[in-house]
Amino acid sequence: MTDTTLTAPAASRVISDKYRPSYPDDLGALEQALRGALSGTSDTVAAYEQALAAWFDSRDAVAVSSGGAALSVALYAAGVRPGDDVLLTPSSPLCTVYPIIAAGANPVFVDTRRHGFGADPASVRERIGARARAIIDIPMWGYPTEVDQLKQQAEQAGVRLILDLAHSHGTTLHGKPLSHYGHLSCFSTHERKPLATGEGGFILTDDPELAKRCRDYSRFGNLNGVDFGLNYKLAALPAALGHSRLATLTEQIDRRRSNARRLLQGLRHPKVHEKQIIAGGNPNYYFLNLALGFADNRAFIDYLDERGIPSDIKRYGCKALYQFPALKQYRLDCPHAEALLAGMTTIPVHPAISEQDLDYMASCINLYEAP
């Protein structure tokens, strides 16, 4: 292998993959919220939910305390109970599978498509059984998946489609938000997400009965002594922050897309290119996904890391979930998912990254020499 350190730039920059903006209206929104009730049933939270539903063109929004809470609530609303099966791809984060196990259900891994992280219809048909109650699809790093086709398959099988859209605020398919295609769509507003409230999440649905189940379950069953529930409510202060920051979300996503275009226009390496975007899809570029064609892709990721360019693949040790010790009992081999994770990296393109940073990253990639 050629010694790339002789030709590539030294670590003259450190590119942060964390985007923690502050906005001029943040303090004002918090001060206004402090004048009213602060609980999860306050008018501030109700106003935030209405704004979320409007922004995402959804009938209902239910604000909750985290993205994980959103999944737990959605699973309950979808009728998932102990002993039931929930199908999902193993290329998702640990955050997606743990709520399934906590619900007493069985995660059943289905393979991805060859080109992307959407659940493969043939694998779903093979592994769906009588105990199945839901399918979870996870568009990783904001790249759309074939959720329109998957919804049709879920409905034919009599199960709910839950979308884990923690990465996908503003991602669209055929001009519609991805949440349009899920029976229940779950979002995170953790501080790294495009819409950030520190911690928090929400659920979107166009089904009024599912919305009621979500709301009731997340509020201790309304403490009526008849319905079961837990406390997953979002408090007023993060709701006020999220409501205020919704006004900047479109501009932020536009900037991410612009940054991705600039970096891609500078790429010249024959073994590095953007991962496939499905027909009709428009990523939000939570992270830019690059497909790699090296004999040792991890060596390339390490090379970038040494030059201050981070990767989620390295940060989280991304691999098929059943390869982690905590999940080995659920192993069902998914070769496409394993190949996808082994053949890619992520590149940050958030709005705080400058044009000089983007050009630097493209230059580092172009100068890499390896088989």
Protein backbone atom coordinates (compact mmCIF):
# COMPACT_ATOMS: atom_id res chain seq x y z
CA MET A 1 0.00 0.00 0.00
CA THR A 2 1.23 3.49 -0.77
CA ASP A 3 2.11 5.61 2.26
CA THR A 4 -0.68 8.16 2.04
CA THR A 5 0.81 10.32 4.77
CA LEU A 6 3.35 11.59 2.22
CA THR A 7 0.72 13.16 0.01
CA ALA A 8 -2.38 13.79 2.08
CA PRO A 9 -2.91 16.93 4.18
CA ALA A 10 -1.91 16.73 7.81
CA ALA A 11 -4.58 17.05 10.50
CA SER A 12 -4.73 20.80 10.02
CA ARG A 13 -8.42 20.86 10.89
CA VAL A 14 -10.71 19.09 13.31
CA ILE A 15 -14.21 18.80 11.89
CA SER A 16 -16.93 18.52 14.52
CA ASP A 17 -19.83 16.19 13.82
CA LYS A 18 -21.85 17.90 16.55
CA TYR A 19 -24.15 20.77 15.61
CA ARG A 20 -25.26 22.73 18.66
CA PRO A 21 -26.69 26.02 17.42
CA SER A 22 -28.27 28.72 19.51
CA TYR A 23 -30.87 31.05 18.07
CA PRO A 24 -31.83 34.64 18.91
CA ASP A 25 -35.35 33.59 19.91
CA ASP A 26 -34.32 30.80 22.31
CA LEU A 27 -34.27 32.86 25.51
CA GLY A 28 -37.46 34.68 24.67
CA ALA A 29 -39.29 31.40 24.05
CA LEU A 30 -38.09 29.98 27.36
CA GLU A 31 -38.95 33.14 29.29
CA GLN A 32 -42.46 33.11 27.88
CA ALA A 33 -42.92 29.45 28.80
CA LEU A 34 -41.79 30.17 32.36
CA ARG A 35 -44.77 32.45 32.81
CA GLY A 36 -47.18 29.52 32.43
CA ALA A 37 -47.57 25.91 33.49
CA LEU A 38 -44.49 23.75 32.99
CA SER A 39 -45.94 20.23 32.90
CA GLY A 40 -46.41 17.98 29.90
CA THR A 41 -50.11 18.85 29.75
CA SER A 42 -49.52 22.61 29.56
CA ASP A 43 -50.74 24.93 26.81
CA THR A 44 -47.08 25.34 25.75
CA VAL A 45 -46.83 21.64 24.91
CA ALA A 46 -50.20 21.66 23.14
CA ALA A 47 -49.08 24.58 20.97
CA TYR A 48 -45.84 22.77 20.13
CA GLU A 49 -47.75 19.66 19.09
CA GLN A 50 -49.99 21.71 16.82
CA ALA A 51 -46.94 23.34 15.22
CA LEU A 52 -45.27 19.95 14.67
CA ALA A 53 -48.37 18.54 13.02
CA ALA A 54 -48.56 21.57 10.72
CA TRP A 55 -44.86 21.51 9.77
CA PHE A 56 -44.93 17.79 8.93
CA ASP A 57 -48.42 17.89 7.39
CA SER A 58 -49.73 15.34 9.88
CA ARG A 59 -53.13 15.08 11.53
CA ASP A 60 -51.74 14.59 15.05
CA ALA A 61 -48.50 15.03 16.94
CA VAL A 62 -47.79 13.74 20.45
CA ALA A 63 -44.73 15.20 22.18
CA VAL A 64 -42.78 12.84 24.43
CA SER A 65 -39.62 12.84 26.50
CA SER A 66 -37.21 11.21 24.01
CA GLY A 67 -36.93 9.36 20.73
CA GLY A 68 -36.77 6.10 22.67
CA ALA A 69 -39.94 7.06 24.50
CA ALA A 70 -41.59 7.74 21.14
CA LEU A 71 -40.81 4.17 20.04
CA SER A 72 -42.06 2.68 23.32
CA VAL A 73 -45.32 4.62 23.08
CA ALA A 74 -45.76 3.78 19.38
CA LEU A 75 -45.21 0.08 20.03
CA TYR A 76 -47.90 0.09 22.71
CA ALA A 77 -50.30 2.07 20.53
CA ALA A 78 -49.71 -0.41 17.69
CA GLY A 79 -50.85 -3.25 19.94
CA VAL A 80 -47.44 -4.82 20.58
CA ARG A 81 -47.54 -6.90 23.76
CA PRO A 82 -45.18 -9.40 25.44
CA GLY A 83 -44.46 -12.35 23.18
CA ASP A 84 -45.29 -10.53 19.94
CA ASP A 85 -42.82 -10.17 17.07
CA VAL A 86 -41.57 -6.84 15.73
CA LEU A 87 -39.62 -6.89 12.47
CA LEU A 88 -36.75 -4.47 11.90
CA THR A 89 -33.45 -4.22 10.03
CA PRO A 90 -30.22 -4.88 11.99
CA SER A 91 -28.54 -1.81 10.48
CA SER A 92 -30.46 0.42 12.89
CA PRO A 93 -29.05 1.90 16.12
CA LEU A 94 -29.28 0.09 19.44
CA CYS A 95 -31.76 2.84 20.38
CA THR A 96 -34.33 1.25 18.04
CA VAL A 97 -34.19 -2.33 19.26
CA TYR A 98 -34.06 -1.77 23.03
CA PRO A 99 -37.66 -0.47 23.31
CA ILE A 100 -38.86 -3.66 21.58
CA ILE A 101 -37.11 -5.82 24.16
CA ALA A 102 -38.32 -3.60 27.01
CA ALA A 103 -41.88 -4.19 25.79
CA GLY A 104 -41.35 -7.94 26.16
CA ALA A 105 -41.57 -8.42 22.39
CA ASN A 106 -39.20 -10.31 20.13
CA PRO A 107 -37.05 -8.39 17.64
CA VAL A 108 -37.03 -10.29 14.35
CA PHE A 109 -34.28 -9.06 12.07
CA VAL A 110 -35.01 -8.75 8.35
CA ASP A 111 -32.42 -7.88 5.76
CA THR A 112 -32.07 -4.55 4.00
CA ARG A 113 -32.20 -3.99 0.28
CA ARG A 114 -28.85 -4.26 -1.46
CA HIS A 115 -28.62 -0.55 -2.23
CA GLY A 116 -29.95 1.00 0.97
CA PHE A 117 -31.26 0.63 4.50
CA GLY A 118 -34.95 -0.02 3.78
CA ALA A 119 -36.39 -3.40 4.74
CA ASP A 120 -36.20 -5.88 1.85
CA PRO A 121 -39.72 -7.07 0.89
CA ALA A 122 -38.56 -10.64 0.23
CA SER A 123 -36.89 -10.86 3.64
CA VAL A 124 -40.04 -9.48 5.29
CA ARG A 125 -42.19 -12.11 3.57
CA GLU A 126 -39.81 -14.86 4.64
CA ARG A 127 -39.60 -13.87 8.31
CA ILE A 128 -43.02 -12.46 9.15
CA GLY A 129 -45.11 -14.87 11.19
CA ALA A 130 -48.41 -15.18 13.02
CA ARG A 131 -47.05 -13.36 16.08
CA ALA A 132 -45.96 -10.27 14.12
CA ARG A 133 -47.62 -7.01 15.17
CA ALA A 134 -45.39 -4.32 13.65
CA ILE A 135 -42.57 -3.56 11.24
CA ILE A 136 -40.11 -0.77 12.04
CA ASP A 137 -38.25 0.85 9.15
CA ILE A 138 -35.24 3.06 9.88
CA PRO A 139 -34.00 5.47 7.18
CA MET A 140 -30.44 5.86 8.41
CA TRP A 141 -28.69 9.25 8.40
CA GLY A 142 -31.67 10.92 6.74
CA TYR A 143 -31.64 8.94 3.47
CA PRO A 144 -35.17 7.93 2.40
CA THR A 145 -36.19 4.30 2.07
CA GLU A 146 -39.03 2.70 0.10
CA VAL A 147 -41.54 3.31 2.87
CA ASP A 148 -44.42 3.67 0.41
CA GLN A 149 -43.98 0.08 -0.75
CA LEU A 150 -43.35 -1.17 2.78
CA LYS A 151 -46.59 0.37 4.03
CA GLN A 152 -48.54 -1.54 1.40
CA GLN A 153 -46.80 -4.75 2.45
CA ALA A 154 -47.50 -4.08 6.14
CA GLU A 155 -51.19 -3.47 5.49
CA GLN A 156 -51.47 -6.63 3.40
CA ALA A 157 -49.95 -8.55 6.32
CA GLY A 158 -52.26 -6.87 8.85
CA VAL A 159 -49.47 -5.22 10.86
CA ARG A 160 -48.57 -1.62 11.67
CA LEU A 161 -45.67 0.21 10.02
CA ILE A 162 -43.70 2.25 12.55
CA LEU A 163 -41.07 4.58 11.12
CA ASP A 164 -38.06 5.47 13.26
CA LEU A 165 -37.29 8.88 11.78
CA ALA A 166 -34.84 10.04 14.45
CA HIS A 167 -32.44 11.07 11.65
CA SER A 168 -35.00 12.18 9.10
CA HIS A 169 -36.56 15.54 9.96
CA GLY A 170 -37.38 17.06 6.57
CA THR A 171 -36.48 14.01 4.47
CA THR A 172 -39.08 13.49 1.74
CA LEU A 173 -40.29 10.83 -0.67
CA HIS A 174 -42.32 11.82 -3.74
CA GLY A 175 -42.58 15.32 -2.31
CA LYS A 176 -44.09 14.21 1.02
CA PRO A 177 -42.48 13.88 4.46
CA LEU A 178 -41.51 10.29 5.19
CA SER A 179 -43.92 10.39 8.14
CA HIS A 180 -46.78 10.50 5.64
CA TYR A 181 -46.17 6.80 4.93
CA GLY A 182 -46.09 5.40 8.48
CA HIS A 183 -49.01 4.39 10.63
CA LEU A 184 -46.88 5.83 13.44
CA SER A 185 -43.71 7.90 12.91
CA CYS A 186 -41.23 8.47 15.72
CA PHE A 187 -38.75 11.34 15.99
CA SER A 188 -35.97 12.35 18.36
CA THR A 189 -35.10 15.93 19.28
CA HIS A 190 -31.85 15.05 21.05
CA GLU A 191 -29.30 17.86 20.84
CA ARG A 192 -27.55 16.33 17.79
CA LYS A 193 -30.73 16.16 15.73
CA PRO A 194 -31.82 18.80 13.18
CA LEU A 195 -34.66 19.88 15.49
CA ALA A 196 -32.93 19.95 18.88
CA THR A 197 -34.41 20.44 22.35
CA GLY A 198 -31.64 18.75 24.35
CA GLU A 199 -33.74 15.66 25.00
CA GLY A 200 -37.19 14.97 23.60
CA GLY A 201 -39.17 13.35 20.84
CA PHE A 202 -42.57 13.16 19.22
CA ILE A 203 -44.90 10.82 17.36
CA LEU A 204 -46.85 11.69 14.22
CA THR A 205 -49.92 9.86 12.93
CA ASP A 206 -52.90 10.48 10.69
CA ASP A 207 -55.00 7.93 12.58
CA PRO A 208 -57.03 9.58 15.39
CA GLU A 209 -57.39 6.31 17.32
CA LEU A 210 -53.63 5.70 17.28
CA ALA A 211 -53.06 9.31 18.39
CA LYS A 212 -55.42 8.78 21.32
CA ARG A 213 -53.67 5.58 22.34
CA CYS A 214 -50.30 7.38 22.22
CA ARG A 215 -51.54 10.31 24.24
CA ASP A 216 -53.32 8.18 26.83
CA TYR A 217 -50.43 5.77 27.30
CA SER A 218 -47.86 8.57 27.64
CA ARG A 219 -49.99 10.19 30.39
CA PHE A 220 -50.30 7.31 32.86
CA GLY A 221 -53.51 6.20 31.15
CA ASN A 222 -54.94 9.59 32.21
CA LEU A 223 -54.90 8.18 35.76
CA ASN A 224 -58.45 6.94 35.31
CA GLY A 225 -57.83 3.56 36.91
CA VAL A 226 -59.06 1.81 33.78
CA ASP A 227 -56.38 2.37 31.15
CA PHE A 228 -52.73 1.43 31.64
CA GLY A 229 -50.00 3.94 30.92
CA LEU A 230 -46.65 5.40 31.90
CA ASN A 231 -45.26 8.90 32.08
CA TYR A 232 -43.50 9.81 28.83
CA LYS A 233 -44.67 13.42 28.61
CA LEU A 234 -42.43 16.23 27.35
CA ALA A 235 -42.14 19.21 29.71
CA ALA A 236 -43.00 22.76 28.68
CA LEU A 237 -39.48 24.22 28.45
CA PRO A 238 -38.10 21.85 25.78
CA ALA A 239 -41.46 22.12 24.01
CA ALA A 240 -41.13 25.91 23.91
CA LEU A 241 -37.60 25.59 22.54
CA GLY A 242 -38.70 23.12 19.88
CA HIS A 243 -41.66 25.28 18.85
CA SER A 244 -39.42 28.30 18.44
CA ARG A 245 -36.74 26.39 16.51
CA LEU A 246 -39.20 24.91 14.04
CA ALA A 247 -39.04 28.26 12.25
CA THR A 248 -35.38 27.61 11.38
CA LEU A 249 -35.67 23.95 10.36
CA THR A 250 -36.30 24.46 6.65
CA GLU A 251 -33.36 26.85 6.35
CA GLN A 252 -31.11 24.43 8.23
CA ILE A 253 -32.00 21.49 5.98
CA ASP A 254 -31.44 23.65 2.88
CA ARG A 255 -27.97 24.47 4.20
CA ARG A 256 -27.19 20.81 4.82
CA ARG A 257 -28.19 19.98 1.24
CA SER A 258 -26.09 22.83 -0.10
CA ASN A 259 -23.07 21.69 1.91
CA ALA A 260 -23.48 18.12 0.66
CA ARG A 261 -23.60 19.34 -2.95
CA ARG A 262 -20.43 21.37 -2.54
CA LEU A 263 -18.50 18.47 -1.03
CA LEU A 264 -19.76 16.04 -3.68
CA GLN A 265 -18.82 18.43 -6.47
CA GLY A 266 -15.25 18.38 -5.13
CA LEU A 267 -14.93 14.59 -4.99
CA ARG A 268 -12.66 13.01 -7.59
CA HIS A 269 -11.75 9.68 -6.01
CA PRO A 270 -12.89 6.76 -8.19
CA LYS A 271 -13.61 4.54 -5.18
CA VAL A 272 -15.74 7.03 -3.22
CA HIS A 273 -19.18 8.24 -4.19
CA GLU A 274 -22.48 9.12 -2.58
CA LYS A 275 -24.70 6.21 -1.65
CA GLN A 276 -27.70 5.68 -3.90
CA ILE A 277 -30.71 7.96 -3.39
CA ILE A 278 -33.91 6.15 -4.28
CA ALA A 279 -36.20 7.50 -7.01
CA GLY A 280 -38.34 10.33 -5.67
CA GLY A 281 -36.27 10.67 -2.51
CA ASN A 282 -34.65 13.79 -1.07
CA PRO A 283 -32.35 13.31 1.95
CA ASN A 284 -32.10 15.92 4.68
CA TYR A 285 -28.34 15.19 4.90
CA TYR A 286 -28.29 14.61 8.62
CA PHE A 287 -25.01 13.09 7.48
CA LEU A 288 -23.67 12.61 3.98
CA ASN A 289 -23.36 8.88 3.20
CA LEU A 290 -20.43 7.76 1.10
CA ALA A 291 -20.13 4.31 -0.47
CA LEU A 292 -16.56 2.97 -0.40
CA GLY A 293 -14.82 0.53 -2.73
CA PHE A 294 -11.50 -0.15 -1.00
CA ALA A 295 -10.05 -3.51 -0.02
CA ASP A 296 -9.93 -2.18 3.55
CA ASN A 297 -12.64 0.41 4.07
CA ARG A 298 -11.93 0.73 7.77
CA ALA A 299 -8.38 1.80 6.98
CA PHE A 300 -9.84 4.66 4.91
CA ILE A 301 -12.15 5.65 7.78
CA ASP A 302 -9.15 5.64 10.16
CA TYR A 303 -7.18 7.73 7.66
CA LEU A 304 -9.92 10.38 7.67
CA ASP A 305 -10.21 10.24 11.45
CA GLU A 306 -6.48 10.92 11.78
CA ARG A 307 -7.07 14.05 9.70
CA GLY A 308 -9.86 15.31 11.91
CA ILE A 309 -12.78 13.97 9.85
CA PRO A 310 -15.14 11.89 12.04
CA SER A 311 -17.41 9.00 11.08
CA ASP A 312 -20.47 7.59 12.80
CA ILE A 313 -19.32 4.17 11.61
CA LYS A 314 -16.24 4.49 13.84
CA ARG A 315 -17.87 6.49 16.66
CA TYR A 316 -20.57 3.88 17.29
CA GLY A 317 -18.78 0.79 16.00
CA CYS A 318 -21.63 0.29 13.54
CA LYS A 319 -22.34 -3.33 12.68
CA ALA A 320 -25.38 -5.58 12.39
CA LEU A 321 -27.17 -5.43 15.75
CA TYR A 322 -27.09 -9.19 16.29
CA GLN A 323 -23.29 -8.97 16.30
CA PHE A 324 -23.40 -7.10 19.63
CA PRO A 325 -23.23 -9.39 22.71
CA ALA A 326 -26.50 -8.06 24.15
CA LEU A 327 -28.41 -9.15 21.04
CA LYS A 328 -26.67 -12.32 19.88
CA GLN A 329 -29.66 -14.46 20.91
CA TYR A 330 -31.75 -12.74 18.21
CA ARG A 331 -29.32 -13.44 15.39
CA LEU A 332 -30.79 -13.91 11.93
CA ASP A 333 -28.17 -13.34 9.27
CA CYS A 334 -28.72 -10.30 7.06
CA PRO A 335 -25.86 -10.19 4.52
CA HIS A 336 -27.04 -7.06 2.70
CA ALA A 337 -27.15 -5.07 5.96
CA GLU A 338 -23.68 -6.29 6.93
CA ALA A 339 -22.30 -5.34 3.52
CA LEU A 340 -23.89 -1.88 3.61
CA LEU A 341 -22.37 -1.00 6.99
CA ALA A 342 -18.98 -2.42 6.01
CA GLY A 343 -18.94 -0.50 2.73
CA MET A 344 -19.65 3.07 3.77
CA THR A 345 -18.80 6.03 5.94
CA THR A 346 -20.58 9.18 7.06
CA ILE A 347 -19.39 12.75 6.58
CA PRO A 348 -20.76 15.73 8.58
CA VAL A 349 -22.28 18.52 6.46
CA HIS A 350 -24.22 20.48 9.09
CA PRO A 351 -24.57 24.29 8.83
CA ALA A 352 -21.64 25.10 11.15
CA ILE A 353 -19.19 23.55 8.69
CA SER A 354 -17.51 26.14 6.49
CA GLU A 355 -16.77 25.98 2.78
CA GLN A 356 -13.08 25.66 3.70
CA ASP A 357 -13.94 22.63 5.86
CA LEU A 358 -15.90 21.04 3.02
CA ASP A 359 -13.04 21.61 0.57
CA TYR A 360 -10.57 20.21 3.08
CA MET A 361 -12.59 17.02 3.50
CA ALA A 362 -12.93 16.57 -0.26
CA SER A 363 -9.17 17.09 -0.67
CA CYS A 364 -8.34 14.50 1.99
CA ILE A 365 -10.61 11.97 0.30
CA ASN A 366 -9.18 12.66 -3.15
CA LEU A 367 -5.60 12.21 -1.99
CA TYR A 368 -6.14 8.81 -0.40
CA GLU A 369 -4.16 6.06 -2.14
CA ALA A 370 -4.95 2.45 -1.41
CA PRO A 371 -6.05 -0.72 -3.25
